[in-house]
Amino acid sequence: MKTRFAGFTPVRHDRLLQEFRHDPYQARHKPHEPTVCPQCGAVFHDGHWQWLPKPAGAHEAMCPACQRIHDEFPAGYVTIGGAFFKDHREELLHLVRHEEARARAEHPLKRIMGIEDREDGVLVTTTDIHLARGIGEALHHAYQGELEFHYNEQENLLRVVWER
């Protein structure tokens, strides 16, 4: 027969505690509605950032994507390389830009921050981990090759490597 003591709760070892993830670009509270980003013109309305005409009397605050660009702190890194890249550079970069335009049309926070030439390929930095994943998957879908994802949960950072 088990007895319970007042104020004692048995410890369960089958549950994992969720660690707090510190992401300075994820707001702790929602901006006032409507809010307009003075950099890109995105509007915070109905709980998320959208491409809308600027409402009269809107508050102004920088959106998380513009803040990342200003701070030069990407959320996603896409490394594109290999012999195939050297021969088809412009075609592959066109696909990368097309994927960003498709994602950005619906989600203003998904943007390419920069495209930097490297000696073995190119490095694309993004404001969103999902855009980085989407670019990698689009390259893999169109041209096959080797695709790797490396996600760092503590930093909310995704590194994608595509080669062919």
C-alpha atoms as a PDB file:
ATOM      1  CA  MET A   1       0.000   0.000   0.000  1.00  0.00           C
ATOM      2  CA  LYS A   2       1.448   3.376  -1.078  1.00  0.00           C
ATOM      3  CA  THR A   3       1.008   6.411   1.035  1.00  0.00           C
ATOM      4  CA  ARG A   4       1.262   9.982  -0.164  1.00  0.00           C
ATOM      5  CA  PHE A   5       2.648  12.692   1.982  1.00  0.00           C
ATOM      6  CA  ALA A   6       1.147  16.147   1.902  1.00  0.00           C
ATOM      7  CA  GLY A   7       3.013  18.405  -0.536  1.00  0.00           C
ATOM      8  CA  PHE A   8       4.939  15.548  -2.132  1.00  0.00           C
ATOM      9  CA  THR A   9       4.600  14.788  -5.821  1.00  0.00           C
ATOM     10  CA  PRO A  10       6.489  11.833  -7.244  1.00  0.00           C
ATOM     11  CA  VAL A  11       9.013  12.759  -9.947  1.00  0.00           C
ATOM     12  CA  ARG A  12       8.234  11.533 -13.436  1.00  0.00           C
ATOM     13  CA  HIS A  13      11.231  10.835 -15.637  1.00  0.00           C
ATOM     14  CA  ASP A  14       9.256  10.278 -18.847  1.00  0.00           C
ATOM     15  CA  ARG A  15       8.601  13.972 -19.480  1.00  0.00           C
ATOM     16  CA  LEU A  16      11.097  16.349 -20.998  1.00  0.00           C
ATOM     17  CA  LEU A  17      11.135  19.982 -20.048  1.00  0.00           C
ATOM     18  CA  GLN A  18      10.958  22.411 -22.931  1.00  0.00           C
ATOM     19  CA  GLU A  19      13.885  24.777 -22.805  1.00  0.00           C
ATOM     20  CA  PHE A  20      13.286  28.452 -23.391  1.00  0.00           C
ATOM     21  CA  ARG A  21      14.499  29.460 -26.840  1.00  0.00           C
ATOM     22  CA  HIS A  22      15.727  33.020 -26.939  1.00  0.00           C
ATOM     23  CA  ASP A  23      14.879  34.559 -30.313  1.00  0.00           C
ATOM     24  CA  PRO A  24      15.209  38.342 -30.177  1.00  0.00           C
ATOM     25  CA  TYR A  25      13.382  38.651 -33.521  1.00  0.00           C
ATOM     26  CA  GLN A  26      10.254  36.922 -32.306  1.00  0.00           C
ATOM     27  CA  ALA A  27       8.161  39.577 -30.581  1.00  0.00           C
ATOM     28  CA  ARG A  28       7.078  38.983 -27.012  1.00  0.00           C
ATOM     29  CA  HIS A  29       3.887  40.870 -27.741  1.00  0.00           C
ATOM     30  CA  LYS A  30       2.015  41.776 -30.892  1.00  0.00           C
ATOM     31  CA  PRO A  31       2.401  45.268 -32.308  1.00  0.00           C
ATOM     32  CA  HIS A  32      -0.585  47.594 -32.213  1.00  0.00           C
ATOM     33  CA  GLU A  33      -2.859  47.184 -35.199  1.00  0.00           C
ATOM     34  CA  PRO A  34      -2.332  48.471 -37.756  1.00  0.00           C
ATOM     35  CA  THR A  35       1.444  48.905 -37.756  1.00  0.00           C
ATOM     36  CA  VAL A  36       3.525  49.714 -40.835  1.00  0.00           C
ATOM     37  CA  CYS A  37       7.211  48.928 -41.322  1.00  0.00           C
ATOM     38  CA  PRO A  38       8.923  52.160 -42.417  1.00  0.00           C
ATOM     39  CA  GLN A  39      11.601  50.202 -44.324  1.00  0.00           C
ATOM     40  CA  CYS A  40       9.602  47.814 -46.527  1.00  0.00           C
ATOM     41  CA  GLY A  41       6.004  48.974 -46.149  1.00  0.00           C
ATOM     42  CA  ALA A  42       4.631  45.670 -44.798  1.00  0.00           C
ATOM     43  CA  VAL A  43       1.545  46.067 -42.605  1.00  0.00           C
ATOM     44  CA  PHE A  44       0.835  44.185 -39.379  1.00  0.00           C
ATOM     45  CA  HIS A  45      -2.898  43.457 -39.558  1.00  0.00           C
ATOM     46  CA  ASP A  46      -5.087  40.608 -38.274  1.00  0.00           C
ATOM     47  CA  GLY A  47      -2.197  39.173 -36.271  1.00  0.00           C
ATOM     48  CA  HIS A  48       0.459  38.904 -38.966  1.00  0.00           C
ATOM     49  CA  TRP A  49       2.580  40.910 -41.421  1.00  0.00           C
ATOM     50  CA  GLN A  50       1.010  41.354 -44.859  1.00  0.00           C
ATOM     51  CA  TRP A  51       1.432  43.307 -48.064  1.00  0.00           C
ATOM     52  CA  LEU A  52      -1.411  45.842 -47.823  1.00  0.00           C
ATOM     53  CA  PRO A  53      -1.840  49.512 -48.655  1.00  0.00           C
ATOM     54  CA  LYS A  54      -0.678  51.718 -45.783  1.00  0.00           C
ATOM     55  CA  PRO A  55      -3.673  52.459 -43.537  1.00  0.00           C
ATOM     56  CA  ALA A  56      -4.236  56.017 -42.360  1.00  0.00           C
ATOM     57  CA  GLY A  57      -3.044  56.657 -38.816  1.00  0.00           C
ATOM     58  CA  ALA A  58      -1.003  53.450 -38.596  1.00  0.00           C
ATOM     59  CA  HIS A  59       1.741  53.000 -36.018  1.00  0.00           C
ATOM     60  CA  GLU A  60       5.296  52.538 -37.265  1.00  0.00           C
ATOM     61  CA  ALA A  61       7.661  49.766 -36.220  1.00  0.00           C
ATOM     62  CA  MET A  62      10.325  47.812 -38.029  1.00  0.00           C
ATOM     63  CA  CYS A  63       9.209  44.314 -39.049  1.00  0.00           C
ATOM     64  CA  PRO A  64      11.340  41.328 -37.925  1.00  0.00           C
ATOM     65  CA  ALA A  65      12.752  40.806 -41.451  1.00  0.00           C
ATOM     66  CA  CYS A  66      13.940  44.412 -41.769  1.00  0.00           C
ATOM     67  CA  GLN A  67      15.364  44.201 -38.256  1.00  0.00           C
ATOM     68  CA  ARG A  68      17.369  41.077 -39.208  1.00  0.00           C
ATOM     69  CA  ILE A  69      18.619  42.814 -42.367  1.00  0.00           C
ATOM     70  CA  HIS A  70      19.585  45.908 -40.365  1.00  0.00           C
ATOM     71  CA  ASP A  71      21.414  43.796 -37.756  1.00  0.00           C
ATOM     72  CA  GLU A  72      22.984  41.562 -40.443  1.00  0.00           C
ATOM     73  CA  PHE A  73      21.772  38.481 -38.527  1.00  0.00           C
ATOM     74  CA  PRO A  74      20.385  35.823 -40.912  1.00  0.00           C
ATOM     75  CA  ALA A  75      18.131  32.967 -39.863  1.00  0.00           C
ATOM     76  CA  GLY A  76      19.033  30.782 -42.842  1.00  0.00           C
ATOM     77  CA  TYR A  77      22.183  30.038 -44.804  1.00  0.00           C
ATOM     78  CA  VAL A  78      22.018  28.231 -48.162  1.00  0.00           C
ATOM     79  CA  THR A  79      25.342  27.079 -49.610  1.00  0.00           C
ATOM     80  CA  ILE A  80      25.179  26.180 -53.298  1.00  0.00           C
ATOM     81  CA  GLY A  81      28.189  24.576 -54.944  1.00  0.00           C
ATOM     82  CA  GLY A  82      29.663  21.845 -57.076  1.00  0.00           C
ATOM     83  CA  ALA A  83      30.743  21.457 -60.693  1.00  0.00           C
ATOM     84  CA  PHE A  84      27.144  21.745 -61.921  1.00  0.00           C
ATOM     85  CA  PHE A  85      26.813  25.125 -60.198  1.00  0.00           C
ATOM     86  CA  LYS A  86      29.874  26.478 -62.012  1.00  0.00           C
ATOM     87  CA  ASP A  87      28.341  25.591 -65.386  1.00  0.00           C
ATOM     88  CA  HIS A  88      24.767  26.714 -64.574  1.00  0.00           C
ATOM     89  CA  ARG A  89      25.305  29.600 -62.141  1.00  0.00           C
ATOM     90  CA  GLU A  90      22.800  32.079 -63.612  1.00  0.00           C
ATOM     91  CA  GLU A  91      20.105  29.442 -64.070  1.00  0.00           C
ATOM     92  CA  LEU A  92      20.408  28.300 -60.441  1.00  0.00           C
ATOM     93  CA  LEU A  93      20.442  31.853 -59.063  1.00  0.00           C
ATOM     94  CA  HIS A  94      17.348  32.625 -61.155  1.00  0.00           C
ATOM     95  CA  LEU A  95      15.609  29.688 -59.445  1.00  0.00           C
ATOM     96  CA  VAL A  96      16.730  31.000 -56.030  1.00  0.00           C
ATOM     97  CA  ARG A  97      15.334  34.480 -56.757  1.00  0.00           C
ATOM     98  CA  HIS A  98      12.117  32.999 -58.151  1.00  0.00           C
ATOM     99  CA  GLU A  99      11.624  30.923 -54.991  1.00  0.00           C
ATOM    100  CA  GLU A 100      12.117  34.045 -52.854  1.00  0.00           C
ATOM    101  CA  ALA A 101       9.647  36.066 -54.957  1.00  0.00           C
ATOM    102  CA  ARG A 102       7.044  33.287 -54.668  1.00  0.00           C
ATOM    103  CA  ALA A 103       7.437  33.029 -50.885  1.00  0.00           C
ATOM    104  CA  ARG A 104       7.704  36.787 -50.318  1.00  0.00           C
ATOM    105  CA  ALA A 105       4.491  37.513 -52.243  1.00  0.00           C
ATOM    106  CA  GLU A 106       2.526  35.713 -49.549  1.00  0.00           C
ATOM    107  CA  HIS A 107       4.841  36.137 -46.542  1.00  0.00           C
ATOM    108  CA  PRO A 108       6.598  39.531 -46.250  1.00  0.00           C
ATOM    109  CA  LEU A 109       9.054  38.221 -43.649  1.00  0.00           C
ATOM    110  CA  LYS A 110      10.599  35.669 -46.044  1.00  0.00           C
ATOM    111  CA  ARG A 111      13.413  37.493 -47.836  1.00  0.00           C
ATOM    112  CA  ILE A 112      16.892  36.998 -49.192  1.00  0.00           C
ATOM    113  CA  MET A 113      19.366  39.149 -47.287  1.00  0.00           C
ATOM    114  CA  GLY A 114      22.301  38.627 -49.604  1.00  0.00           C
ATOM    115  CA  ILE A 115      23.988  36.457 -52.204  1.00  0.00           C
ATOM    116  CA  GLU A 116      27.723  36.213 -51.651  1.00  0.00           C
ATOM    117  CA  ASP A 117      30.141  34.617 -54.105  1.00  0.00           C
ATOM    118  CA  ARG A 118      32.522  32.069 -52.638  1.00  0.00           C
ATOM    119  CA  GLU A 119      35.407  30.332 -54.347  1.00  0.00           C
ATOM    120  CA  ASP A 120      33.506  27.009 -54.360  1.00  0.00           C
ATOM    121  CA  GLY A 121      30.011  28.385 -55.020  1.00  0.00           C
ATOM    122  CA  VAL A 122      27.663  30.897 -53.494  1.00  0.00           C
ATOM    123  CA  LEU A 123      26.169  31.615 -50.049  1.00  0.00           C
ATOM    124  CA  VAL A 124      22.577  32.850 -49.840  1.00  0.00           C
ATOM    125  CA  THR A 125      21.439  34.325 -46.516  1.00  0.00           C
ATOM    126  CA  THR A 126      17.744  34.586 -45.618  1.00  0.00           C
ATOM    127  CA  THR A 127      15.597  36.240 -42.972  1.00  0.00           C
ATOM    128  CA  ASP A 128      13.580  33.056 -42.415  1.00  0.00           C
ATOM    129  CA  ILE A 129      14.491  29.402 -41.906  1.00  0.00           C
ATOM    130  CA  HIS A 130      11.519  28.261 -43.992  1.00  0.00           C
ATOM    131  CA  LEU A 131      12.710  30.237 -47.022  1.00  0.00           C
ATOM    132  CA  ALA A 132      16.165  28.650 -46.712  1.00  0.00           C
ATOM    133  CA  ARG A 133      14.544  25.204 -46.612  1.00  0.00           C
ATOM    134  CA  GLY A 134      12.304  26.110 -49.563  1.00  0.00           C
ATOM    135  CA  ILE A 135      15.267  27.232 -51.669  1.00  0.00           C
ATOM    136  CA  GLY A 136      17.138  24.004 -50.917  1.00  0.00           C
ATOM    137  CA  GLU A 137      14.101  21.870 -51.725  1.00  0.00           C
ATOM    138  CA  ALA A 138      13.439  23.801 -54.969  1.00  0.00           C
ATOM    139  CA  LEU A 139      17.047  23.229 -56.094  1.00  0.00           C
ATOM    140  CA  HIS A 140      16.844  19.547 -55.196  1.00  0.00           C
ATOM    141  CA  HIS A 141      13.465  19.120 -56.920  1.00  0.00           C
ATOM    142  CA  ALA A 142      14.626  20.806 -60.130  1.00  0.00           C
ATOM    143  CA  TYR A 143      18.203  19.498 -60.369  1.00  0.00           C
ATOM    144  CA  GLN A 144      18.496  16.609 -57.863  1.00  0.00           C
ATOM    145  CA  GLY A 145      21.982  16.613 -56.327  1.00  0.00           C
ATOM    146  CA  GLU A 146      22.927  16.300 -52.653  1.00  0.00           C
ATOM    147  CA  LEU A 147      20.849  18.232 -50.104  1.00  0.00           C
ATOM    148  CA  GLU A 148      21.652  18.554 -46.394  1.00  0.00           C
ATOM    149  CA  PHE A 149      19.887  20.408 -43.590  1.00  0.00           C
ATOM    150  CA  HIS A 150      21.552  21.394 -40.311  1.00  0.00           C
ATOM    151  CA  TYR A 151      19.134  22.950 -37.815  1.00  0.00           C
ATOM    152  CA  ASN A 152      20.378  24.634 -34.639  1.00  0.00           C
ATOM    153  CA  GLU A 153      17.324  24.834 -32.388  1.00  0.00           C
ATOM    154  CA  GLN A 154      18.952  26.987 -29.709  1.00  0.00           C
ATOM    155  CA  GLU A 155      19.708  29.739 -32.228  1.00  0.00           C
ATOM    156  CA  ASN A 156      16.684  29.112 -34.492  1.00  0.00           C
ATOM    157  CA  LEU A 157      19.135  28.819 -37.391  1.00  0.00           C
ATOM    158  CA  LEU A 158      19.078  26.596 -40.470  1.00  0.00           C
ATOM    159  CA  ARG A 159      22.049  25.783 -42.688  1.00  0.00           C
ATOM    160  CA  VAL A 160      21.241  24.198 -46.041  1.00  0.00           C
ATOM    161  CA  VAL A 161      23.907  22.748 -48.319  1.00  0.00           C
ATOM    162  CA  TRP A 162      23.104  21.809 -51.932  1.00  0.00           C
ATOM    163  CA  GLU A 163      25.707  20.411 -54.329  1.00  0.00           C
ATOM    164  CA  ARG A 164      25.791  18.727 -57.656  1.00  0.00           C
END
